[in-house]
């Protein structure tokens, strides 16, 4: 009977509690840790993640980047503007 009660908890009562439904099988009690988990899930004063506040956007080019036409690495810039030393 204990194994049946554990199975009923896993299949019915725990998911019901997480969905804020009263215990559909009153003979099978909720585990002790479940009340704490439900309260933490419903906590409105919980600190929010910073990643929830921001979203990824496309990079916008600055005016200098749009008009310069120079592309490549910084090392390549030195080669373009230096005069040959021969």
C-alpha atoms as a PDB file:
ATOM      1  CA  UNK A   1       0.000   0.000   0.000  1.00  0.00           C
ATOM      2  CA  UNK A   2       2.932   2.350   0.683  1.00  0.00           C
ATOM      3  CA  UNK A   3       4.264   1.860  -2.842  1.00  0.00           C
ATOM      4  CA  UNK A   4       0.817   2.612  -4.247  1.00  0.00           C
ATOM      5  CA  UNK A   5       0.680   5.806  -2.174  1.00  0.00           C
ATOM      6  CA  UNK A   6       4.104   6.904  -3.476  1.00  0.00           C
ATOM      7  CA  UNK A   7       3.012   6.237  -7.037  1.00  0.00           C
ATOM      8  CA  UNK A   8      -0.192   8.219  -6.556  1.00  0.00           C
ATOM      9  CA  UNK A   9       1.889  11.083  -5.143  1.00  0.00           C
ATOM     10  CA  UNK A  10       4.181  11.101  -8.167  1.00  0.00           C
ATOM     11  CA  UNK A  11       1.434  10.837 -10.750  1.00  0.00           C
ATOM     12  CA  UNK A  12      -1.459  12.784  -9.246  1.00  0.00           C
ATOM     13  CA  UNK A  13      -0.953  14.801  -6.077  1.00  0.00           C
ATOM     14  CA  UNK A  14       2.450  16.448  -6.722  1.00  0.00           C
ATOM     15  CA  UNK A  15       1.532  17.707 -10.228  1.00  0.00           C
ATOM     16  CA  UNK A  16      -1.828  18.899  -8.861  1.00  0.00           C
ATOM     17  CA  UNK A  17      -0.111  20.910  -6.113  1.00  0.00           C
ATOM     18  CA  UNK A  18       2.314  22.463  -8.600  1.00  0.00           C
ATOM     19  CA  UNK A  19      -0.687  23.535 -10.684  1.00  0.00           C
ATOM     20  CA  UNK A  20      -2.337  25.067  -7.589  1.00  0.00           C
ATOM     21  CA  UNK A  21      -5.123  22.470  -7.473  1.00  0.00           C
ATOM     22  CA  UNK A  22      -6.280  21.121  -4.127  1.00  0.00           C
ATOM     23  CA  UNK A  23      -5.267  17.565  -3.313  1.00  0.00           C
ATOM     24  CA  UNK A  24      -7.475  15.303  -5.474  1.00  0.00           C
ATOM     25  CA  UNK A  25      -6.634  12.255  -3.335  1.00  0.00           C
ATOM     26  CA  UNK A  26      -7.025  13.339   0.309  1.00  0.00           C
ATOM     27  CA  UNK A  27      -6.002   9.916   1.644  1.00  0.00           C
ATOM     28  CA  UNK A  28      -2.504  10.434   0.241  1.00  0.00           C
ATOM     29  CA  UNK A  29      -0.810  13.339   2.004  1.00  0.00           C
ATOM     30  CA  UNK A  30       1.513  15.752   0.244  1.00  0.00           C
ATOM     31  CA  UNK A  31       5.229  15.349   1.044  1.00  0.00           C
ATOM     32  CA  UNK A  32       6.710  17.896   3.460  1.00  0.00           C
ATOM     33  CA  UNK A  33       8.979  19.503   0.871  1.00  0.00           C
ATOM     34  CA  UNK A  34       6.126  20.145  -1.567  1.00  0.00           C
ATOM     35  CA  UNK A  35       4.580  23.023   0.405  1.00  0.00           C
ATOM     36  CA  UNK A  36       7.926  24.848   0.432  1.00  0.00           C
ATOM     37  CA  UNK A  37       8.332  24.315  -3.316  1.00  0.00           C
ATOM     38  CA  UNK A  38       4.826  25.630  -4.041  1.00  0.00           C
ATOM     39  CA  UNK A  39       5.431  28.716  -1.899  1.00  0.00           C
ATOM     40  CA  UNK A  40       8.751  29.447  -3.627  1.00  0.00           C
ATOM     41  CA  UNK A  41       7.142  29.091  -7.045  1.00  0.00           C
ATOM     42  CA  UNK A  42       4.339  31.516  -6.161  1.00  0.00           C
ATOM     43  CA  UNK A  43       6.578  34.069  -4.425  1.00  0.00           C
ATOM     44  CA  UNK A  44       5.961  37.522  -5.913  1.00  0.00           C
ATOM     45  CA  UNK A  45       8.833  39.144  -4.055  1.00  0.00           C
ATOM     46  CA  UNK A  46      11.450  36.845  -5.572  1.00  0.00           C
ATOM     47  CA  UNK A  47      14.348  38.620  -7.230  1.00  0.00           C
ATOM     48  CA  UNK A  48      14.062  38.538 -10.999  1.00  0.00           C
ATOM     49  CA  UNK A  49      16.861  37.477 -13.320  1.00  0.00           C
ATOM     50  CA  UNK A  50      18.593  40.241 -15.223  1.00  0.00           C
ATOM     51  CA  UNK A  51      18.386  38.178 -18.404  1.00  0.00           C
ATOM     52  CA  UNK A  52      14.595  38.418 -18.220  1.00  0.00           C
ATOM     53  CA  UNK A  53      14.797  42.209 -18.429  1.00  0.00           C
ATOM     54  CA  UNK A  54      16.945  42.484 -21.557  1.00  0.00           C
ATOM     55  CA  UNK A  55      16.731  40.992 -25.012  1.00  0.00           C
ATOM     56  CA  UNK A  56      19.273  40.405 -27.758  1.00  0.00           C
ATOM     57  CA  UNK A  57      19.206  42.949 -30.572  1.00  0.00           C
ATOM     58  CA  UNK A  58      21.117  43.367 -33.767  1.00  0.00           C
ATOM     59  CA  UNK A  59      24.238  45.497 -33.609  1.00  0.00           C
ATOM     60  CA  UNK A  60      23.758  48.930 -35.120  1.00  0.00           C
ATOM     61  CA  UNK A  61      26.678  50.427 -37.000  1.00  0.00           C
ATOM     62  CA  UNK A  62      27.919  53.846 -35.997  1.00  0.00           C
ATOM     63  CA  UNK A  63      28.211  56.638 -38.535  1.00  0.00           C
ATOM     64  CA  UNK A  64      31.984  56.198 -38.701  1.00  0.00           C
ATOM     65  CA  UNK A  65      31.678  52.470 -39.388  1.00  0.00           C
ATOM     66  CA  UNK A  66      29.136  53.066 -42.158  1.00  0.00           C
ATOM     67  CA  UNK A  67      31.116  55.733 -43.979  1.00  0.00           C
ATOM     68  CA  UNK A  68      34.677  54.537 -43.515  1.00  0.00           C
ATOM     69  CA  UNK A  69      34.552  51.546 -45.831  1.00  0.00           C
ATOM     70  CA  UNK A  70      37.574  50.125 -44.030  1.00  0.00           C
ATOM     71  CA  UNK A  71      37.153  46.512 -43.177  1.00  0.00           C
ATOM     72  CA  UNK A  72      39.540  44.050 -41.689  1.00  0.00           C
ATOM     73  CA  UNK A  73      41.832  43.848 -38.708  1.00  0.00           C
ATOM     74  CA  UNK A  74      43.722  46.616 -36.969  1.00  0.00           C
ATOM     75  CA  UNK A  75      46.976  45.134 -38.251  1.00  0.00           C
ATOM     76  CA  UNK A  76      45.769  45.598 -41.825  1.00  0.00           C
ATOM     77  CA  UNK A  77      45.286  49.342 -41.275  1.00  0.00           C
ATOM     78  CA  UNK A  78      48.989  49.835 -40.636  1.00  0.00           C
ATOM     79  CA  UNK A  79      49.878  48.165 -43.918  1.00  0.00           C
ATOM     80  CA  UNK A  80      47.428  50.288 -45.922  1.00  0.00           C
ATOM     81  CA  UNK A  81      48.663  53.646 -44.694  1.00  0.00           C
ATOM     82  CA  UNK A  82      52.398  53.016 -44.381  1.00  0.00           C
ATOM     83  CA  UNK A  83      54.640  53.924 -47.263  1.00  0.00           C
ATOM     84  CA  UNK A  84      57.172  51.414 -48.571  1.00  0.00           C
ATOM     85  CA  UNK A  85      60.602  51.998 -47.040  1.00  0.00           C
ATOM     86  CA  UNK A  86      62.727  51.057 -50.075  1.00  0.00           C
END
